[in-house]
Amino acid sequence: MANTLTNIHHVKQKMFDRNMLNNHSLILYIGRDEVSYAILQEAQNQIVYLKSYRLPDSHNTYAFKQALHTFFAQEDIIRNNFVSVHIGINAAHQTLVPKAYFDEQELEKYFDFNFQYKPQKHQVFYEKLVISDVVNVFAVDKEVLKLIEEGVGKNYQLKHAATFLIDQIIGVNKGSHKKMFVNVQKHHLDITTIQGNQLLYHNTYYYETSNDFLYYTANAAKHTGVNLSNDKVVMLGDINEDHIKFQLCKKYIANVHLGSRPITKNYCTELAVLPDNYHYNLFSIL
């Protein structure tokens, strides 16, 4: 089988030593069409290593899993003796349930309400968001879980990437005005609307064209009361000012701009080669 992994970025601190990682942690992001990981130096709370790959879209289940298998087989550095291993997975359907109505015994029903739950295929998880009064219920393909365990061992913590993303956005937000955050991947976008420390909306969309991208963004704004003439819209992830998607949005959204890396971590100077808004999903983990 041809190699289905395409390297996107590979950045490391000048003094990085892969044989001296006992005081480091691993953070791993498994997206719908990307897998990336970073190594965090614990004492400095600093990202000192980053590597990312493009995957076949998760809609192509077989190719996606084969690419994940290849990734875990070749990236032997991730099997070091890390202080901790934290994983954020976006290649998994999820639904948000208000805490007031949440019942742990009803996990499968919550998931099955929006997606088809298959007990033989899925393992269901849940996690309470740190700040917002909602619970994230999601299901991961059991074969993907097996690949993860084969790749990093059994000692890891897994959460849905949306949990890290929402907690990060709300946790560092200042002010009480309504804001929309659009987290961009190659063919997916996560749209999150907040007001102060309140989560108003979160959903993920699949898009093919720049017009699709604009439509989903504008439609989400309409349904959450975001005023595209005044309210701030922040673009995160795989986008920059030269992208057609961003240029198109600028025509219709007055206050749109690119975001920056999470302030909860430090970053080695070598990462300055990448735009600040890149790899937001990955850097939100932990």
Protein backbone atom coordinates (compact mmCIF):
# COMPACT_ATOMS: atom_id res chain seq x y z
CA MET A 1 0.00 0.00 0.00
CA ALA A 2 1.27 3.48 -0.89
CA ASN A 3 2.16 5.80 1.96
CA THR A 4 -1.01 7.72 2.84
CA LEU A 5 0.74 10.09 5.23
CA THR A 6 1.87 13.50 4.03
CA ASN A 7 4.04 15.57 6.34
CA ILE A 8 2.68 19.08 6.96
CA HIS A 9 4.97 20.61 9.58
CA HIS A 10 8.00 19.46 11.52
CA VAL A 11 9.54 21.97 13.94
CA LYS A 12 11.79 21.33 16.91
CA GLN A 13 13.79 23.36 19.38
CA LYS A 14 17.45 23.68 18.42
CA MET A 15 18.61 21.95 21.61
CA PHE A 16 15.93 19.22 21.49
CA ASP A 17 17.25 15.78 22.45
CA ARG A 18 14.91 12.85 21.84
CA ASN A 19 16.91 10.77 24.32
CA MET A 20 16.21 13.17 27.19
CA LEU A 21 12.41 13.17 27.45
CA ASN A 22 11.79 11.89 30.99
CA ASN A 23 10.59 15.32 32.10
CA HIS A 24 8.38 15.89 29.06
CA SER A 25 4.73 15.22 28.21
CA LEU A 26 3.20 14.15 24.92
CA ILE A 27 0.10 15.78 23.46
CA LEU A 28 -1.50 14.11 20.47
CA TYR A 29 -4.30 15.34 18.21
CA ILE A 30 -6.26 12.94 15.97
CA GLY A 31 -8.40 14.93 13.58
CA ARG A 32 -10.67 13.98 10.72
CA ASP A 33 -7.93 14.56 8.16
CA GLU A 34 -4.85 15.34 10.26
CA VAL A 35 -2.79 13.76 12.99
CA SER A 36 -0.29 15.88 14.89
CA TYR A 37 1.65 15.77 18.10
CA ALA A 38 3.78 18.01 20.25
CA ILE A 39 6.19 17.44 23.11
CA LEU A 40 5.91 19.69 26.13
CA GLN A 41 8.87 20.42 28.40
CA GLU A 42 7.22 20.33 31.81
CA ALA A 43 9.54 22.60 33.81
CA GLN A 44 9.18 25.48 31.33
CA ASN A 45 5.63 24.53 30.22
CA GLN A 46 7.04 24.91 26.71
CA ILE A 47 6.29 23.21 23.41
CA VAL A 48 9.69 22.10 22.09
CA TYR A 49 8.68 19.72 19.30
CA LEU A 50 5.89 19.61 16.72
CA LYS A 51 5.11 17.22 13.90
CA SER A 52 1.95 16.93 11.82
CA TYR A 53 0.63 14.81 8.97
CA ARG A 54 -2.25 14.98 6.53
CA LEU A 55 -4.50 11.91 6.68
CA PRO A 56 -7.13 10.61 4.27
CA ASP A 57 -10.47 12.05 5.37
CA SER A 58 -12.17 9.97 8.06
CA HIS A 59 -15.13 9.43 5.73
CA ASN A 60 -12.84 6.91 4.01
CA THR A 61 -12.72 4.68 7.07
CA TYR A 62 -10.35 2.04 5.74
CA ALA A 63 -7.74 4.47 4.39
CA PHE A 64 -8.00 6.61 7.53
CA LYS A 65 -7.27 3.65 9.84
CA GLN A 66 -4.46 2.41 7.62
CA ALA A 67 -2.85 5.84 7.74
CA LEU A 68 -3.19 5.95 11.53
CA HIS A 69 -1.58 2.52 11.72
CA THR A 70 1.34 3.79 9.61
CA PHE A 71 1.66 6.89 11.78
CA PHE A 72 1.89 4.96 15.05
CA ALA A 73 4.29 2.43 13.52
CA GLN A 74 6.78 4.99 12.21
CA GLU A 75 6.67 7.68 14.93
CA ASP A 76 8.64 5.73 17.54
CA ILE A 77 9.42 8.91 19.49
CA ILE A 78 5.87 8.88 20.89
CA ARG A 79 6.68 5.68 22.80
CA ASN A 80 9.14 7.43 25.12
CA ASN A 81 8.76 7.42 28.89
CA PHE A 82 6.72 10.63 29.11
CA VAL A 83 5.44 12.19 32.31
CA SER A 84 1.95 12.06 30.79
CA VAL A 85 0.20 11.44 27.49
CA HIS A 86 -2.89 13.49 26.61
CA ILE A 87 -4.92 12.85 23.46
CA GLY A 88 -7.59 14.99 21.84
CA ILE A 89 -9.66 13.22 19.20
CA ASN A 90 -11.78 15.06 16.66
CA ALA A 91 -12.38 12.02 14.44
CA ALA A 92 -15.35 11.05 16.60
CA HIS A 93 -18.95 12.26 16.59
CA GLN A 94 -20.00 14.17 19.69
CA THR A 95 -23.05 15.82 21.20
CA LEU A 96 -23.38 18.33 24.03
CA VAL A 97 -25.87 17.70 26.83
CA PRO A 98 -26.81 20.29 29.49
CA LYS A 99 -25.55 19.17 32.91
CA ALA A 100 -29.01 19.66 34.40
CA TYR A 101 -30.40 16.92 32.14
CA PHE A 102 -27.41 14.60 32.05
CA ASP A 103 -27.72 11.02 33.27
CA GLU A 104 -24.67 8.77 32.97
CA GLN A 105 -26.95 5.76 32.42
CA GLU A 106 -28.29 7.32 29.22
CA LEU A 107 -25.01 7.82 27.33
CA GLU A 108 -25.91 5.58 24.39
CA LYS A 109 -29.30 7.27 24.01
CA TYR A 110 -27.77 10.74 23.93
CA PHE A 111 -25.34 9.68 21.23
CA ASP A 112 -27.91 7.70 19.25
CA PHE A 113 -30.26 10.69 19.19
CA ASN A 114 -27.94 12.44 16.72
CA PHE A 115 -25.83 9.58 15.35
CA GLN A 116 -26.23 5.87 14.80
CA TYR A 117 -24.80 4.07 17.80
CA LYS A 118 -23.36 0.61 17.11
CA PRO A 119 -22.32 -1.21 20.31
CA GLN A 120 -20.06 -3.59 18.43
CA LYS A 121 -18.22 -0.68 16.78
CA HIS A 122 -18.28 2.24 19.23
CA GLN A 123 -17.14 2.94 22.76
CA VAL A 124 -18.99 5.84 24.35
CA PHE A 125 -17.31 8.39 26.62
CA TYR A 126 -18.37 11.54 28.38
CA GLU A 127 -16.63 14.46 30.07
CA LYS A 128 -17.83 17.55 31.88
CA LEU A 129 -16.51 20.79 30.48
CA VAL A 130 -14.54 22.77 33.04
CA ILE A 131 -16.33 26.08 32.60
CA SER A 132 -19.55 25.60 30.64
CA ASP A 133 -22.58 23.80 32.13
CA VAL A 134 -22.59 21.05 29.51
CA VAL A 135 -21.37 17.48 29.19
CA ASN A 136 -19.68 16.27 26.02
CA VAL A 137 -20.82 12.78 24.98
CA PHE A 138 -18.86 11.13 22.17
CA ALA A 139 -18.10 7.73 20.70
CA VAL A 140 -14.80 6.45 19.32
CA ASP A 141 -14.34 3.61 16.87
CA LYS A 142 -12.99 0.63 18.85
CA GLU A 143 -10.44 -0.12 16.13
CA VAL A 144 -9.09 3.43 16.47
CA LEU A 145 -8.83 2.94 20.24
CA LYS A 146 -6.85 -0.25 19.62
CA LEU A 147 -4.47 1.62 17.30
CA ILE A 148 -3.97 4.31 19.95
CA GLU A 149 -3.14 1.74 22.62
CA GLU A 150 -0.72 -0.05 20.32
CA GLY A 151 0.92 3.30 19.53
CA VAL A 152 1.30 4.93 22.95
CA GLY A 153 0.48 2.17 25.43
CA LYS A 154 -2.32 2.02 27.96
CA ASN A 155 -1.29 4.96 30.13
CA TYR A 156 -2.96 7.92 28.41
CA GLN A 157 -5.83 10.34 28.92
CA LEU A 158 -8.33 10.74 26.09
CA LYS A 159 -10.83 13.55 25.58
CA HIS A 160 -12.74 14.86 22.61
CA ALA A 161 -10.91 17.75 20.95
CA ALA A 162 -14.08 19.87 21.23
CA THR A 163 -13.81 19.72 25.02
CA PHE A 164 -10.27 21.13 24.95
CA LEU A 165 -11.27 23.68 22.30
CA ILE A 166 -14.33 25.04 24.12
CA ASP A 167 -12.62 25.12 27.52
CA GLN A 168 -9.65 26.95 26.00
CA ILE A 169 -11.79 29.54 24.20
CA ILE A 170 -13.98 30.33 27.20
CA GLY A 171 -11.14 30.10 29.72
CA VAL A 172 -9.09 32.88 28.18
CA ASN A 173 -11.97 35.04 26.95
CA LYS A 174 -12.18 38.62 28.20
CA GLY A 175 -15.25 40.82 28.08
CA SER A 176 -18.96 40.08 27.86
CA HIS A 177 -19.58 40.69 24.17
CA LYS A 178 -20.73 37.92 21.87
CA LYS A 179 -17.92 36.33 19.85
CA MET A 180 -17.68 33.60 17.24
CA PHE A 181 -14.65 31.34 16.83
CA VAL A 182 -14.15 29.35 13.62
CA ASN A 183 -11.61 26.57 13.97
CA VAL A 184 -10.52 25.53 10.47
CA GLN A 185 -9.34 22.16 9.21
CA LYS A 186 -8.83 21.10 5.61
CA HIS A 187 -12.48 20.10 5.04
CA HIS A 188 -14.08 20.72 8.44
CA LEU A 189 -14.78 23.74 10.57
CA ASP A 190 -15.75 23.89 14.24
CA ILE A 191 -17.91 26.91 15.00
CA THR A 192 -18.15 28.05 18.62
CA THR A 193 -20.13 31.07 19.80
CA ILE A 194 -19.71 32.43 23.32
CA GLN A 195 -20.82 35.41 25.37
CA GLY A 196 -18.64 36.07 28.38
CA ASN A 197 -18.12 32.67 29.97
CA GLN A 198 -21.30 31.20 28.49
CA LEU A 199 -21.31 28.72 25.61
CA LEU A 200 -24.07 29.61 23.17
CA TYR A 201 -23.31 27.27 20.28
CA HIS A 202 -20.90 24.64 19.05
CA ASN A 203 -21.07 22.49 15.94
CA THR A 204 -18.84 20.92 13.29
CA TYR A 205 -19.44 21.17 9.56
CA TYR A 206 -17.98 19.49 6.50
CA TYR A 207 -17.20 21.81 3.59
CA GLU A 208 -15.76 21.43 0.10
CA THR A 209 -15.57 24.97 -1.26
CA SER A 210 -14.89 28.46 0.06
CA ASN A 211 -18.55 29.29 -0.58
CA ASP A 212 -19.55 26.36 1.63
CA PHE A 213 -17.21 27.71 4.29
CA LEU A 214 -18.79 31.17 4.17
CA TYR A 215 -22.32 29.75 4.15
CA TYR A 216 -21.86 27.68 7.31
CA THR A 217 -20.15 30.56 9.08
CA ALA A 218 -22.84 33.09 8.15
CA ASN A 219 -25.67 30.66 8.89
CA ALA A 220 -24.30 29.87 12.36
CA ALA A 221 -23.95 33.60 13.01
CA LYS A 222 -27.58 34.17 12.01
CA HIS A 223 -28.90 31.44 14.32
CA THR A 224 -26.83 32.57 17.31
CA GLY A 225 -27.46 36.29 16.94
CA VAL A 226 -23.91 37.21 15.94
CA ASN A 227 -23.89 40.55 14.14
CA LEU A 228 -21.42 40.20 11.27
CA SER A 229 -21.19 43.98 11.02
CA ASN A 230 -19.94 44.43 14.58
CA ASP A 231 -19.28 41.27 16.57
CA LYS A 232 -15.82 39.75 16.55
CA VAL A 233 -15.21 36.59 14.48
CA VAL A 234 -11.91 34.83 15.18
CA MET A 235 -10.39 32.34 12.74
CA LEU A 236 -8.21 29.60 14.18
CA GLY A 237 -6.36 26.61 12.75
CA ASP A 238 -5.51 25.90 9.12
CA ILE A 239 -6.11 29.31 7.55
CA ASN A 240 -4.19 32.49 6.84
CA GLU A 241 -4.90 35.90 5.35
CA ASP A 242 -3.95 34.78 1.84
CA HIS A 243 -6.43 31.89 1.77
CA ILE A 244 -9.45 32.35 -0.48
CA LYS A 245 -11.69 31.37 2.45
CA PHE A 246 -10.40 34.23 4.57
CA GLN A 247 -10.55 36.76 1.76
CA LEU A 248 -14.15 35.77 1.02
CA CYS A 249 -15.14 36.10 4.67
CA LYS A 250 -13.59 39.57 4.84
CA LYS A 251 -16.08 40.74 2.21
CA TYR A 252 -19.04 39.90 4.43
CA ILE A 253 -17.68 39.97 8.00
CA ALA A 254 -16.47 43.37 9.15
CA ASN A 255 -14.61 42.30 12.29
CA VAL A 256 -12.90 39.07 11.24
CA HIS A 257 -9.29 38.36 12.15
CA LEU A 258 -6.87 35.55 12.87
CA GLY A 259 -6.45 34.28 16.41
CA SER A 260 -3.31 33.37 18.29
CA ARG A 261 -1.92 30.38 20.15
CA PRO A 262 -3.34 29.44 23.55
CA ILE A 263 -1.67 31.54 26.24
CA THR A 264 -1.71 28.58 28.64
CA LYS A 265 1.58 27.32 27.17
CA ASN A 266 4.95 28.68 26.14
CA TYR A 267 6.45 27.97 22.73
CA CYS A 268 10.03 27.57 21.55
CA THR A 269 11.25 30.35 19.28
CA GLU A 270 11.59 27.94 16.36
CA LEU A 271 7.77 27.74 16.15
CA ALA A 272 7.77 31.35 14.95
CA VAL A 273 8.03 29.97 11.41
CA LEU A 274 4.34 29.04 11.68
CA PRO A 275 1.42 31.49 11.92
CA ASP A 276 0.17 31.93 15.49
CA ASN A 277 -3.29 30.56 14.70
CA TYR A 278 -2.00 27.21 13.32
CA HIS A 279 -2.46 23.96 15.27
CA TYR A 280 -4.92 25.47 17.72
CA ASN A 281 -6.56 22.08 18.30
CA LEU A 282 -3.24 20.53 19.25
CA PHE A 283 -2.05 23.36 21.47
CA SER A 284 -5.39 23.44 23.33
CA ILE A 285 -4.80 19.91 24.65
CA LEU A 286 -3.78 19.36 28.31
